[in-house]
């Protein structure tokens, strides 16, 4: 029986190699479930689902305190240093169906380094993969999480100024997803200090979608 005072949100992480994807997943979970370290090649080779501990009194819904649990699917970097694009897409598609086929996906997080903005005339490969796997509704279920956002501060820019000066490719993507973006600051912030603002923003986006989910067959 479903507990009305408990909410589970399902997230999937996408991004390029060394974008900070697995590290961001660990921050969202509040744990170290995903293997994350600096490497000149892709670290993640398989899709991995992890669950957070229950967060009590984190949010209210209908006047009631809701216990929150987050499920996060980490995916291999795309393009990958040792796996073909076709193989990665097949792995991710299978994982989405297996883990979220019935319960659905609340949000896909595109992990993007703030110091390496999207450039070029066409959508990047990892954006194209999201479009292919999520289908025509991808715009409604995608947000960008900018890692290394402390480098924006070091450059003397605010988040708004960073967006205003972003390349056209990034601005086009942000316009497509209704400017749903999150900035992750690492320097000087504890794990929990990074986690709470990110979770609050994620919940804002999910609420904007009226808690709807994207299912997979």
N, C-alpha and C. Protein backbone atom coordinates (compact mmCIF):
# COMPACT_ATOMS: atom_id res chain seq x y z
N UNK A 1 0.84 -1.20 0.00
CA UNK A 1 0.00 0.00 0.00
C UNK A 1 0.88 1.25 0.00
N UNK A 2 0.53 2.24 -0.85
CA UNK A 2 1.32 3.45 -0.97
C UNK A 2 1.14 4.32 0.27
N UNK A 3 2.25 4.80 0.80
CA UNK A 3 2.24 5.67 1.97
C UNK A 3 2.03 7.11 1.50
N UNK A 4 0.90 7.77 1.85
CA UNK A 4 0.64 9.14 1.38
C UNK A 4 1.60 10.16 1.95
N UNK A 5 2.32 9.79 3.01
CA UNK A 5 3.25 10.73 3.63
C UNK A 5 4.70 10.47 3.20
N UNK A 6 4.87 9.69 2.15
CA UNK A 6 6.20 9.41 1.63
C UNK A 6 6.21 9.68 0.13
N UNK A 7 7.28 10.31 -0.34
CA UNK A 7 7.42 10.60 -1.76
C UNK A 7 8.78 10.10 -2.25
N UNK A 8 8.76 9.40 -3.37
CA UNK A 8 9.98 8.93 -4.01
C UNK A 8 10.13 9.65 -5.34
N UNK A 9 11.27 10.29 -5.56
CA UNK A 9 11.50 10.94 -6.84
C UNK A 9 12.61 10.20 -7.58
N UNK A 10 12.41 10.02 -8.87
CA UNK A 10 13.33 9.27 -9.72
C UNK A 10 14.07 10.22 -10.66
N UNK A 11 15.39 10.14 -10.62
CA UNK A 11 16.24 11.01 -11.43
C UNK A 11 17.21 10.17 -12.26
N UNK A 12 17.58 10.68 -13.42
CA UNK A 12 18.62 10.04 -14.25
C UNK A 12 19.65 11.09 -14.61
N UNK A 13 20.92 10.71 -14.56
CA UNK A 13 22.02 11.63 -14.83
C UNK A 13 22.62 11.35 -16.20
N UNK A 14 22.82 12.40 -16.97
CA UNK A 14 23.45 12.30 -18.28
C UNK A 14 24.56 13.34 -18.38
N UNK A 15 25.58 13.05 -19.18
CA UNK A 15 26.63 14.04 -19.35
C UNK A 15 27.87 13.47 -19.99
N UNK A 16 28.79 14.34 -20.30
CA UNK A 16 30.05 13.94 -20.90
C UNK A 16 30.99 13.35 -19.85
N UNK A 17 31.99 12.65 -20.31
CA UNK A 17 33.03 12.13 -19.42
C UNK A 17 33.69 13.27 -18.65
N UNK A 18 33.88 13.06 -17.33
CA UNK A 18 34.51 14.04 -16.44
C UNK A 18 33.73 15.34 -16.31
N UNK A 19 32.42 15.26 -16.48
CA UNK A 19 31.57 16.43 -16.26
C UNK A 19 31.21 16.60 -14.79
N UNK A 20 31.50 15.56 -13.98
CA UNK A 20 31.13 15.60 -12.57
C UNK A 20 29.81 14.90 -12.30
N UNK A 21 29.43 14.01 -13.21
CA UNK A 21 28.13 13.34 -13.15
C UNK A 21 27.98 12.47 -11.92
N UNK A 22 28.91 11.54 -11.71
CA UNK A 22 28.82 10.63 -10.57
C UNK A 22 28.96 11.38 -9.26
N UNK A 23 29.82 12.40 -9.23
CA UNK A 23 29.99 13.21 -8.04
C UNK A 23 28.70 13.96 -7.70
N UNK A 24 28.04 14.50 -8.73
CA UNK A 24 26.77 15.19 -8.52
C UNK A 24 25.72 14.22 -7.98
N UNK A 25 25.74 12.99 -8.50
CA UNK A 25 24.81 11.98 -8.01
C UNK A 25 25.02 11.69 -6.54
N UNK A 26 26.27 11.62 -6.12
CA UNK A 26 26.58 11.38 -4.71
C UNK A 26 26.09 12.53 -3.83
N UNK A 27 26.22 13.75 -4.31
CA UNK A 27 25.75 14.90 -3.54
C UNK A 27 24.23 14.85 -3.39
N UNK A 28 23.53 14.53 -4.46
CA UNK A 28 22.07 14.44 -4.41
C UNK A 28 21.64 13.34 -3.45
N UNK A 29 22.35 12.23 -3.45
CA UNK A 29 22.02 11.10 -2.57
C UNK A 29 22.44 11.33 -1.13
N UNK A 30 23.47 12.15 -0.94
CA UNK A 30 24.02 12.32 0.39
C UNK A 30 24.87 11.14 0.81
N UNK A 31 25.50 10.48 -0.16
CA UNK A 31 26.31 9.29 0.11
C UNK A 31 27.41 9.18 -0.94
N UNK A 32 28.14 8.07 -0.91
CA UNK A 32 29.19 7.84 -1.91
C UNK A 32 28.92 6.55 -2.68
N UNK A 33 27.69 6.38 -3.11
CA UNK A 33 27.31 5.16 -3.83
C UNK A 33 28.00 5.04 -5.19
N UNK A 34 28.22 6.15 -5.85
CA UNK A 34 28.79 6.12 -7.19
C UNK A 34 30.30 6.36 -7.15
N UNK A 35 31.02 5.55 -7.91
CA UNK A 35 32.47 5.69 -7.99
C UNK A 35 32.81 6.96 -8.75
N UNK A 36 33.58 7.82 -8.12
CA UNK A 36 33.90 9.11 -8.73
C UNK A 36 35.34 9.49 -8.43
N UNK A 37 36.11 9.73 -9.47
CA UNK A 37 37.48 10.23 -9.30
C UNK A 37 37.96 10.84 -10.61
N UNK A 38 39.00 11.65 -10.51
CA UNK A 38 39.55 12.25 -11.73
C UNK A 38 40.26 11.18 -12.55
N UNK A 39 40.03 11.21 -13.85
CA UNK A 39 40.67 10.26 -14.74
C UNK A 39 40.70 10.85 -16.15
N UNK A 40 41.73 10.54 -16.92
CA UNK A 40 41.76 11.04 -18.30
C UNK A 40 40.79 10.29 -19.21
N UNK A 41 40.14 9.24 -18.68
CA UNK A 41 39.20 8.47 -19.49
C UNK A 41 37.89 8.32 -18.72
N UNK A 42 36.89 7.73 -19.36
CA UNK A 42 35.59 7.54 -18.74
C UNK A 42 35.70 6.57 -17.57
N UNK A 43 35.10 6.93 -16.43
CA UNK A 43 35.15 6.09 -15.23
C UNK A 43 33.95 5.15 -15.18
N UNK A 44 32.75 5.69 -15.41
CA UNK A 44 31.52 4.90 -15.32
C UNK A 44 31.29 4.11 -16.60
N UNK A 45 31.14 2.78 -16.48
CA UNK A 45 30.93 1.93 -17.64
C UNK A 45 29.56 1.26 -17.65
N UNK A 46 28.89 1.27 -16.52
CA UNK A 46 27.57 0.63 -16.43
C UNK A 46 26.59 1.59 -15.76
N UNK A 47 25.31 1.40 -16.05
CA UNK A 47 24.29 2.16 -15.37
C UNK A 47 24.14 1.61 -13.94
N UNK A 48 23.94 2.51 -13.00
CA UNK A 48 23.85 2.10 -11.60
C UNK A 48 22.76 2.91 -10.90
N UNK A 49 21.85 2.23 -10.23
CA UNK A 49 20.79 2.89 -9.49
C UNK A 49 21.11 2.87 -8.00
N UNK A 50 20.95 4.01 -7.35
CA UNK A 50 21.18 4.11 -5.90
C UNK A 50 20.03 4.87 -5.27
N UNK A 51 19.79 4.58 -3.99
CA UNK A 51 18.70 5.21 -3.24
C UNK A 51 19.27 6.00 -2.07
N UNK A 52 18.67 7.13 -1.79
CA UNK A 52 19.09 7.93 -0.64
C UNK A 52 18.42 7.41 0.62
N UNK A 53 18.94 7.83 1.77
CA UNK A 53 18.23 7.60 3.02
C UNK A 53 16.96 8.44 3.01
N UNK A 54 16.04 8.11 3.88
CA UNK A 54 14.80 8.88 3.97
C UNK A 54 15.08 10.25 4.61
N UNK A 55 14.59 11.28 3.95
CA UNK A 55 14.71 12.63 4.46
C UNK A 55 13.40 13.02 5.12
N UNK A 56 13.42 13.18 6.42
CA UNK A 56 12.21 13.50 7.16
C UNK A 56 12.04 15.02 7.29
N UNK A 57 10.78 15.44 7.23
CA UNK A 57 10.44 16.86 7.41
C UNK A 57 11.16 17.77 6.42
N UNK A 58 11.41 17.25 5.22
CA UNK A 58 12.10 18.04 4.20
C UNK A 58 11.12 18.91 3.41
N UNK A 59 9.90 18.44 3.27
CA UNK A 59 8.92 19.16 2.46
C UNK A 59 7.52 18.91 3.00
N UNK A 60 6.60 19.77 2.55
CA UNK A 60 5.19 19.62 2.90
C UNK A 60 4.37 19.51 1.63
N UNK A 61 3.31 18.74 1.70
CA UNK A 61 2.41 18.59 0.55
C UNK A 61 1.00 18.39 1.10
N UNK A 62 0.10 19.26 0.70
CA UNK A 62 -1.26 19.18 1.21
C UNK A 62 -1.33 19.41 2.70
N UNK A 63 -0.39 20.22 3.22
CA UNK A 63 -0.39 20.52 4.64
C UNK A 63 0.24 19.45 5.51
N UNK A 64 0.76 18.39 4.88
CA UNK A 64 1.35 17.29 5.63
C UNK A 64 2.86 17.23 5.42
N UNK A 65 3.57 16.85 6.48
CA UNK A 65 5.01 16.63 6.36
C UNK A 65 5.25 15.37 5.52
N UNK A 66 6.12 15.50 4.54
CA UNK A 66 6.38 14.39 3.62
C UNK A 66 7.81 13.89 3.81
N UNK A 67 7.97 12.57 3.91
CA UNK A 67 9.28 11.94 3.93
C UNK A 67 9.73 11.72 2.49
N UNK A 68 10.92 12.18 2.19
CA UNK A 68 11.42 12.13 0.82
C UNK A 68 12.52 11.09 0.67
N UNK A 69 12.45 10.33 -0.43
CA UNK A 69 13.54 9.45 -0.83
C UNK A 69 13.85 9.70 -2.29
N UNK A 70 15.14 9.72 -2.60
CA UNK A 70 15.57 10.00 -3.97
C UNK A 70 16.23 8.75 -4.55
N UNK A 71 15.81 8.40 -5.76
CA UNK A 71 16.47 7.31 -6.50
C UNK A 71 17.18 7.95 -7.70
N UNK A 72 18.46 7.64 -7.83
CA UNK A 72 19.28 8.26 -8.88
C UNK A 72 19.91 7.19 -9.76
N UNK A 73 19.74 7.34 -11.07
CA UNK A 73 20.37 6.45 -12.03
C UNK A 73 21.57 7.15 -12.64
N UNK A 74 22.76 6.62 -12.37
CA UNK A 74 23.99 7.14 -12.98
C UNK A 74 24.23 6.39 -14.28
N UNK A 75 24.66 7.09 -15.31
CA UNK A 75 24.86 6.48 -16.62
C UNK A 75 26.29 6.73 -17.10
N UNK A 76 26.79 5.91 -18.03
CA UNK A 76 28.14 6.13 -18.56
C UNK A 76 28.24 7.47 -19.28
N UNK A 77 29.43 8.05 -19.25
CA UNK A 77 29.66 9.29 -19.99
C UNK A 77 29.42 9.07 -21.48
N UNK A 78 28.97 10.13 -22.14
CA UNK A 78 28.65 10.02 -23.57
C UNK A 78 29.11 11.28 -24.28
N UNK A 79 29.99 11.16 -25.28
CA UNK A 79 30.66 9.95 -25.77
C UNK A 79 31.57 9.33 -24.71
N UNK A 80 31.82 8.03 -24.86
CA UNK A 80 32.60 7.26 -23.90
C UNK A 80 33.98 6.96 -24.47
N UNK A 81 34.97 6.86 -23.60
CA UNK A 81 36.34 6.64 -24.07
C UNK A 81 36.59 5.21 -24.52
N UNK A 82 35.78 4.25 -24.06
CA UNK A 82 36.04 2.85 -24.44
C UNK A 82 34.80 2.11 -24.95
N UNK A 83 33.63 2.70 -24.83
CA UNK A 83 32.40 2.07 -25.30
C UNK A 83 31.84 2.83 -26.50
N UNK A 84 31.26 2.13 -27.44
CA UNK A 84 30.69 2.79 -28.61
C UNK A 84 29.43 3.55 -28.21
N UNK A 85 29.08 4.55 -29.00
CA UNK A 85 27.87 5.33 -28.74
C UNK A 85 26.63 4.42 -28.74
N UNK A 86 26.59 3.49 -29.67
CA UNK A 86 25.45 2.58 -29.77
C UNK A 86 25.34 1.74 -28.51
N UNK A 87 26.46 1.26 -28.01
CA UNK A 87 26.45 0.40 -26.82
C UNK A 87 25.97 1.18 -25.59
N UNK A 88 26.44 2.41 -25.45
CA UNK A 88 26.03 3.24 -24.31
C UNK A 88 24.54 3.50 -24.37
N UNK A 89 24.04 3.87 -25.54
CA UNK A 89 22.61 4.16 -25.66
C UNK A 89 21.76 2.94 -25.35
N UNK A 90 22.22 1.76 -25.79
CA UNK A 90 21.47 0.54 -25.49
C UNK A 90 21.45 0.26 -23.99
N UNK A 91 22.61 0.45 -23.33
CA UNK A 91 22.69 0.24 -21.89
C UNK A 91 21.74 1.18 -21.14
N UNK A 92 21.75 2.44 -21.52
CA UNK A 92 20.93 3.43 -20.83
C UNK A 92 19.44 3.17 -21.08
N UNK A 93 19.10 2.82 -22.31
CA UNK A 93 17.70 2.53 -22.63
C UNK A 93 17.19 1.36 -21.81
N UNK A 94 17.98 0.30 -21.71
CA UNK A 94 17.60 -0.87 -20.92
C UNK A 94 17.43 -0.50 -19.45
N UNK A 95 18.33 0.34 -18.93
CA UNK A 95 18.25 0.73 -17.52
C UNK A 95 17.02 1.60 -17.25
N UNK A 96 16.70 2.50 -18.16
CA UNK A 96 15.51 3.34 -17.99
C UNK A 96 14.24 2.50 -17.95
N UNK A 97 14.17 1.52 -18.84
CA UNK A 97 13.00 0.64 -18.88
C UNK A 97 12.95 -0.21 -17.62
N UNK A 98 14.08 -0.74 -17.21
CA UNK A 98 14.13 -1.64 -16.04
C UNK A 98 13.77 -0.91 -14.74
N UNK A 99 14.35 0.28 -14.55
CA UNK A 99 14.18 0.97 -13.27
C UNK A 99 12.98 1.92 -13.24
N UNK A 100 12.66 2.51 -14.39
CA UNK A 100 11.61 3.53 -14.40
C UNK A 100 10.47 3.22 -15.36
N UNK A 101 10.47 2.02 -15.90
CA UNK A 101 9.44 1.66 -16.86
C UNK A 101 8.04 1.77 -16.30
N UNK A 102 7.89 1.37 -15.04
CA UNK A 102 6.57 1.39 -14.40
C UNK A 102 6.36 2.65 -13.57
N UNK A 103 7.30 2.96 -12.67
CA UNK A 103 7.14 4.09 -11.76
C UNK A 103 7.38 5.43 -12.43
N UNK A 104 8.16 5.44 -13.50
CA UNK A 104 8.39 6.66 -14.26
C UNK A 104 9.58 7.48 -13.79
N UNK A 105 10.03 8.36 -14.66
CA UNK A 105 11.16 9.25 -14.40
C UNK A 105 10.62 10.66 -14.17
N UNK A 106 11.01 11.26 -13.05
CA UNK A 106 10.58 12.62 -12.77
C UNK A 106 11.42 13.66 -13.51
N UNK A 107 12.72 13.40 -13.59
CA UNK A 107 13.60 14.42 -14.18
C UNK A 107 14.91 13.80 -14.65
N UNK A 108 15.34 14.22 -15.84
CA UNK A 108 16.67 13.89 -16.35
C UNK A 108 17.56 15.10 -16.10
N UNK A 109 18.69 14.88 -15.45
CA UNK A 109 19.63 15.97 -15.17
C UNK A 109 20.81 15.88 -16.13
N UNK A 110 20.96 16.89 -16.95
CA UNK A 110 22.11 16.98 -17.84
C UNK A 110 23.23 17.66 -17.06
N UNK A 111 24.28 16.91 -16.77
CA UNK A 111 25.39 17.45 -15.97
C UNK A 111 26.37 18.14 -16.90
N UNK A 112 26.59 19.42 -16.66
CA UNK A 112 27.41 20.24 -17.54
C UNK A 112 28.39 21.06 -16.71
N UNK A 113 29.66 20.97 -17.03
CA UNK A 113 30.65 21.80 -16.33
C UNK A 113 30.43 23.27 -16.66
N UNK A 114 30.37 24.11 -15.63
CA UNK A 114 30.17 25.54 -15.85
C UNK A 114 31.34 26.18 -16.58
N UNK A 115 32.53 25.60 -16.41
CA UNK A 115 33.72 26.16 -17.06
C UNK A 115 33.96 25.57 -18.45
N UNK A 116 33.02 24.74 -18.91
CA UNK A 116 33.12 24.18 -20.26
C UNK A 116 31.74 24.25 -20.93
N UNK A 117 31.26 25.47 -21.23
CA UNK A 117 29.90 25.63 -21.77
C UNK A 117 29.75 25.02 -23.16
N UNK A 118 28.51 24.66 -23.46
CA UNK A 118 28.22 24.08 -24.76
C UNK A 118 28.49 25.10 -25.86
N UNK A 119 29.18 24.65 -26.90
CA UNK A 119 29.47 25.51 -28.05
C UNK A 119 29.13 24.75 -29.32
N UNK A 120 29.25 25.41 -30.46
CA UNK A 120 28.98 24.75 -31.72
C UNK A 120 27.59 25.05 -32.22
N UNK A 121 27.32 24.65 -33.43
CA UNK A 121 26.06 24.96 -34.07
C UNK A 121 24.96 23.94 -33.76
N UNK A 122 25.34 22.71 -33.42
CA UNK A 122 24.36 21.66 -33.21
C UNK A 122 24.37 21.21 -31.75
N UNK A 123 23.29 20.54 -31.37
CA UNK A 123 23.20 20.00 -30.01
C UNK A 123 24.32 19.00 -29.80
N UNK A 124 24.89 19.00 -28.60
CA UNK A 124 25.99 18.09 -28.28
C UNK A 124 25.48 16.65 -28.24
N UNK A 125 26.39 15.66 -28.35
CA UNK A 125 25.97 14.25 -28.38
C UNK A 125 25.12 13.84 -27.19
N UNK A 126 25.47 14.29 -25.97
CA UNK A 126 24.70 13.85 -24.80
C UNK A 126 23.30 14.47 -24.78
N UNK A 127 23.15 15.67 -25.36
CA UNK A 127 21.82 16.26 -25.50
C UNK A 127 21.01 15.47 -26.51
N UNK A 128 21.64 15.08 -27.60
CA UNK A 128 20.96 14.28 -28.62
C UNK A 128 20.52 12.94 -28.04
N UNK A 129 21.34 12.34 -27.17
CA UNK A 129 20.97 11.07 -26.56
C UNK A 129 19.73 11.23 -25.67
N UNK A 130 19.68 12.31 -24.90
CA UNK A 130 18.50 12.57 -24.08
C UNK A 130 17.26 12.69 -24.96
N UNK A 131 17.38 13.41 -26.05
CA UNK A 131 16.25 13.60 -26.96
C UNK A 131 15.77 12.27 -27.52
N UNK A 132 16.71 11.40 -27.88
CA UNK A 132 16.36 10.10 -28.45
C UNK A 132 15.70 9.19 -27.41
N UNK A 133 16.26 9.15 -26.20
CA UNK A 133 15.79 8.21 -25.19
C UNK A 133 14.50 8.68 -24.51
N UNK A 134 14.35 9.98 -24.34
CA UNK A 134 13.16 10.49 -23.66
C UNK A 134 12.02 10.81 -24.61
N UNK A 135 12.32 10.90 -25.89
CA UNK A 135 11.27 11.14 -26.87
C UNK A 135 10.83 12.59 -26.95
N UNK A 136 9.67 12.82 -27.57
CA UNK A 136 9.23 14.18 -27.86
C UNK A 136 8.98 15.01 -26.61
N UNK A 137 8.77 14.36 -25.46
CA UNK A 137 8.49 15.09 -24.22
C UNK A 137 9.76 15.45 -23.45
N UNK A 138 10.93 15.25 -24.04
CA UNK A 138 12.19 15.42 -23.31
C UNK A 138 12.33 16.82 -22.70
N UNK A 139 11.80 17.84 -23.38
CA UNK A 139 11.93 19.21 -22.89
C UNK A 139 11.25 19.42 -21.54
N UNK A 140 10.18 18.66 -21.31
CA UNK A 140 9.42 18.82 -20.06
C UNK A 140 10.06 18.10 -18.89
N UNK A 141 11.01 17.21 -19.17
CA UNK A 141 11.58 16.37 -18.12
C UNK A 141 13.10 16.49 -18.04
N UNK A 142 13.64 17.60 -18.49
CA UNK A 142 15.09 17.79 -18.48
C UNK A 142 15.47 19.10 -17.81
N UNK A 143 16.53 19.06 -17.02
CA UNK A 143 17.11 20.26 -16.41
C UNK A 143 18.62 20.14 -16.50
N UNK A 144 19.32 21.26 -16.45
CA UNK A 144 20.79 21.26 -16.48
C UNK A 144 21.31 21.50 -15.07
N UNK A 145 22.28 20.71 -14.66
CA UNK A 145 22.98 20.95 -13.40
C UNK A 145 24.41 21.34 -13.74
N UNK A 146 24.76 22.59 -13.46
CA UNK A 146 26.10 23.09 -13.74
C UNK A 146 27.02 22.75 -12.57
N UNK A 147 28.02 21.91 -12.81
CA UNK A 147 29.01 21.62 -11.79
C UNK A 147 30.14 22.66 -11.87
N UNK A 148 30.99 22.69 -10.83
CA UNK A 148 32.10 23.65 -10.76
C UNK A 148 31.62 25.10 -10.86
N UNK A 149 30.44 25.36 -10.29
CA UNK A 149 29.88 26.71 -10.37
C UNK A 149 30.70 27.73 -9.59
N UNK A 150 31.54 27.25 -8.66
CA UNK A 150 32.38 28.19 -7.92
C UNK A 150 33.33 28.96 -8.85
N UNK A 151 33.60 28.39 -10.03
CA UNK A 151 34.47 29.08 -10.97
C UNK A 151 33.77 30.29 -11.60
N UNK A 152 32.43 30.27 -11.58
CA UNK A 152 31.68 31.44 -12.03
C UNK A 152 31.92 32.60 -11.07
N UNK A 153 31.87 32.28 -9.77
CA UNK A 153 32.13 33.30 -8.74
C UNK A 153 33.54 33.85 -8.86
N UNK A 154 34.51 32.95 -9.06
CA UNK A 154 35.90 33.38 -9.17
C UNK A 154 36.11 34.30 -10.37
N UNK A 155 35.29 34.13 -11.39
CA UNK A 155 35.38 34.99 -12.58
C UNK A 155 34.65 36.32 -12.37
N UNK A 156 34.04 36.48 -11.19
CA UNK A 156 33.34 37.72 -10.89
C UNK A 156 31.97 37.85 -11.52
N UNK A 157 31.37 36.70 -11.88
CA UNK A 157 30.07 36.70 -12.52
C UNK A 157 28.99 36.17 -11.59
N UNK A 158 27.79 36.70 -11.73
CA UNK A 158 26.63 36.12 -11.04
C UNK A 158 26.07 35.02 -11.94
N UNK A 159 25.15 34.24 -11.40
CA UNK A 159 24.51 33.20 -12.22
C UNK A 159 23.77 33.82 -13.40
N UNK A 160 23.10 34.94 -13.16
CA UNK A 160 22.36 35.61 -14.23
C UNK A 160 23.29 36.11 -15.32
N UNK A 161 24.43 36.68 -14.92
CA UNK A 161 25.39 37.17 -15.91
C UNK A 161 25.99 36.02 -16.70
N UNK A 162 26.23 34.90 -16.02
CA UNK A 162 26.78 33.72 -16.70
C UNK A 162 25.82 33.27 -17.80
N UNK A 163 24.53 33.21 -17.49
CA UNK A 163 23.53 32.79 -18.48
C UNK A 163 23.45 33.79 -19.62
N UNK A 164 23.48 35.08 -19.28
CA UNK A 164 23.37 36.11 -20.31
C UNK A 164 24.53 36.06 -21.30
N UNK A 165 25.71 35.68 -20.81
CA UNK A 165 26.89 35.65 -21.67
C UNK A 165 27.15 34.27 -22.27
N UNK A 166 26.24 33.32 -22.04
CA UNK A 166 26.42 31.95 -22.52
C UNK A 166 26.36 31.89 -24.05
N UNK A 167 27.06 30.91 -24.65
CA UNK A 167 27.00 30.72 -26.11
C UNK A 167 25.57 30.44 -26.57
N UNK A 168 25.31 30.70 -27.83
CA UNK A 168 23.96 30.52 -28.38
C UNK A 168 23.45 29.09 -28.22
N UNK A 169 24.36 28.11 -28.35
CA UNK A 169 23.95 26.71 -28.24
C UNK A 169 23.37 26.43 -26.86
N UNK A 170 24.02 26.95 -25.82
CA UNK A 170 23.53 26.75 -24.46
C UNK A 170 22.24 27.53 -24.23
N UNK A 171 22.16 28.75 -24.73
CA UNK A 171 20.96 29.55 -24.56
C UNK A 171 19.76 28.89 -25.25
N UNK A 172 19.98 28.33 -26.41
CA UNK A 172 18.91 27.63 -27.13
C UNK A 172 18.40 26.45 -26.33
N UNK A 173 19.34 25.69 -25.74
CA UNK A 173 18.96 24.54 -24.92
C UNK A 173 18.18 25.00 -23.69
N UNK A 174 18.67 26.04 -23.02
CA UNK A 174 17.98 26.55 -21.83
C UNK A 174 16.58 27.05 -22.16
N UNK A 175 16.44 27.71 -23.30
CA UNK A 175 15.11 28.16 -23.72
C UNK A 175 14.18 26.98 -23.96
N UNK A 176 14.74 25.90 -24.50
CA UNK A 176 13.92 24.71 -24.79
C UNK A 176 13.37 24.08 -23.53
N UNK A 177 14.16 24.12 -22.44
CA UNK A 177 13.75 23.45 -21.20
C UNK A 177 13.25 24.46 -20.16
N UNK A 178 12.83 25.63 -20.65
CA UNK A 178 12.24 26.68 -19.80
C UNK A 178 13.20 27.13 -18.69
N UNK A 179 14.47 27.22 -19.04
CA UNK A 179 15.52 27.74 -18.14
C UNK A 179 15.58 26.98 -16.81
N UNK A 180 15.29 25.70 -16.84
CA UNK A 180 15.44 24.89 -15.63
C UNK A 180 16.92 24.54 -15.48
N UNK A 181 17.57 25.18 -14.53
CA UNK A 181 18.99 24.90 -14.31
C UNK A 181 19.32 25.06 -12.83
N UNK A 182 20.38 24.38 -12.42
CA UNK A 182 20.83 24.36 -11.04
C UNK A 182 22.34 24.57 -11.05
N UNK A 183 22.85 25.32 -10.08
CA UNK A 183 24.29 25.55 -9.98
C UNK A 183 24.82 24.84 -8.74
N UNK A 184 25.82 24.00 -8.93
CA UNK A 184 26.43 23.24 -7.83
C UNK A 184 27.77 23.86 -7.47
N UNK A 185 27.87 24.36 -6.24
CA UNK A 185 29.10 24.98 -5.75
C UNK A 185 29.82 24.00 -4.84
N UNK A 186 31.09 23.77 -5.11
CA UNK A 186 31.85 22.80 -4.33
C UNK A 186 32.77 23.43 -3.30
N UNK A 187 33.52 24.43 -3.70
CA UNK A 187 34.55 25.00 -2.82
C UNK A 187 33.95 25.59 -1.55
N UNK A 188 34.46 25.14 -0.39
CA UNK A 188 34.05 25.71 0.88
C UNK A 188 32.71 25.25 1.39
N UNK A 189 32.01 24.43 0.64
CA UNK A 189 30.69 23.96 1.06
C UNK A 189 30.75 22.48 1.45
N UNK A 190 30.11 22.15 2.54
CA UNK A 190 30.04 20.74 2.94
C UNK A 190 29.10 19.99 2.03
N UNK A 191 29.15 18.66 2.13
CA UNK A 191 28.30 17.79 1.33
C UNK A 191 26.84 18.20 1.46
N UNK A 192 26.40 18.39 2.71
CA UNK A 192 24.99 18.69 2.96
C UNK A 192 24.63 20.10 2.50
N UNK A 193 25.57 21.03 2.63
CA UNK A 193 25.32 22.39 2.17
C UNK A 193 25.14 22.45 0.67
N UNK A 194 25.78 21.56 -0.06
CA UNK A 194 25.59 21.48 -1.50
C UNK A 194 24.28 20.78 -1.84
N UNK A 195 23.94 19.78 -1.04
CA UNK A 195 22.82 18.91 -1.36
C UNK A 195 21.46 19.59 -1.24
N UNK A 196 21.22 20.29 -0.13
CA UNK A 196 19.89 20.82 0.15
C UNK A 196 19.41 21.80 -0.92
N UNK A 197 20.21 22.80 -1.34
CA UNK A 197 19.73 23.71 -2.39
C UNK A 197 19.42 22.98 -3.70
N UNK A 198 20.22 21.98 -4.04
CA UNK A 198 19.99 21.23 -5.27
C UNK A 198 18.68 20.47 -5.20
N UNK A 199 18.43 19.79 -4.08
CA UNK A 199 17.19 19.04 -3.93
C UNK A 199 15.97 19.96 -3.97
N UNK A 200 16.09 21.13 -3.36
CA UNK A 200 14.97 22.06 -3.37
C UNK A 200 14.64 22.51 -4.78
N UNK A 201 15.67 22.77 -5.58
CA UNK A 201 15.44 23.18 -6.98
C UNK A 201 14.84 22.04 -7.79
N UNK A 202 15.33 20.84 -7.58
CA UNK A 202 14.78 19.68 -8.28
C UNK A 202 13.30 19.53 -7.96
N UNK A 203 12.93 19.67 -6.71
CA UNK A 203 11.53 19.55 -6.31
C UNK A 203 10.68 20.67 -6.90
N UNK A 204 11.25 21.85 -7.07
CA UNK A 204 10.52 22.94 -7.73
C UNK A 204 10.17 22.55 -9.16
N UNK A 205 11.13 21.98 -9.87
CA UNK A 205 10.89 21.59 -11.26
C UNK A 205 9.83 20.49 -11.34
N UNK A 206 9.92 19.53 -10.42
CA UNK A 206 8.97 18.42 -10.41
C UNK A 206 7.56 18.92 -10.08
N UNK A 207 7.48 19.88 -9.18
CA UNK A 207 6.18 20.47 -8.84
C UNK A 207 5.60 21.23 -10.03
N UNK A 208 6.47 21.93 -10.78
CA UNK A 208 6.02 22.64 -11.98
C UNK A 208 5.40 21.67 -12.98
N UNK A 209 5.86 20.44 -12.98
CA UNK A 209 5.33 19.39 -13.86
C UNK A 209 4.12 18.69 -13.24
N UNK A 210 3.63 19.23 -12.11
CA UNK A 210 2.50 18.63 -11.39
C UNK A 210 2.79 17.20 -10.99
N UNK A 211 4.07 16.91 -10.68
CA UNK A 211 4.53 15.60 -10.22
C UNK A 211 4.31 14.49 -11.26
N UNK A 212 4.15 14.87 -12.52
CA UNK A 212 3.99 13.87 -13.57
C UNK A 212 5.33 13.18 -13.84
N UNK A 213 5.26 11.98 -14.40
CA UNK A 213 6.47 11.22 -14.70
C UNK A 213 6.46 10.78 -16.17
N UNK A 214 7.65 10.50 -16.66
CA UNK A 214 7.82 9.96 -18.00
C UNK A 214 8.06 8.46 -17.87
N UNK A 215 7.22 7.65 -18.51
CA UNK A 215 7.36 6.19 -18.40
C UNK A 215 8.01 5.65 -19.66
N UNK A 216 8.53 4.42 -19.55
CA UNK A 216 9.26 3.79 -20.65
C UNK A 216 8.71 2.39 -20.89
N UNK A 217 8.68 2.00 -22.15
CA UNK A 217 8.18 0.67 -22.50
C UNK A 217 9.29 -0.13 -23.18
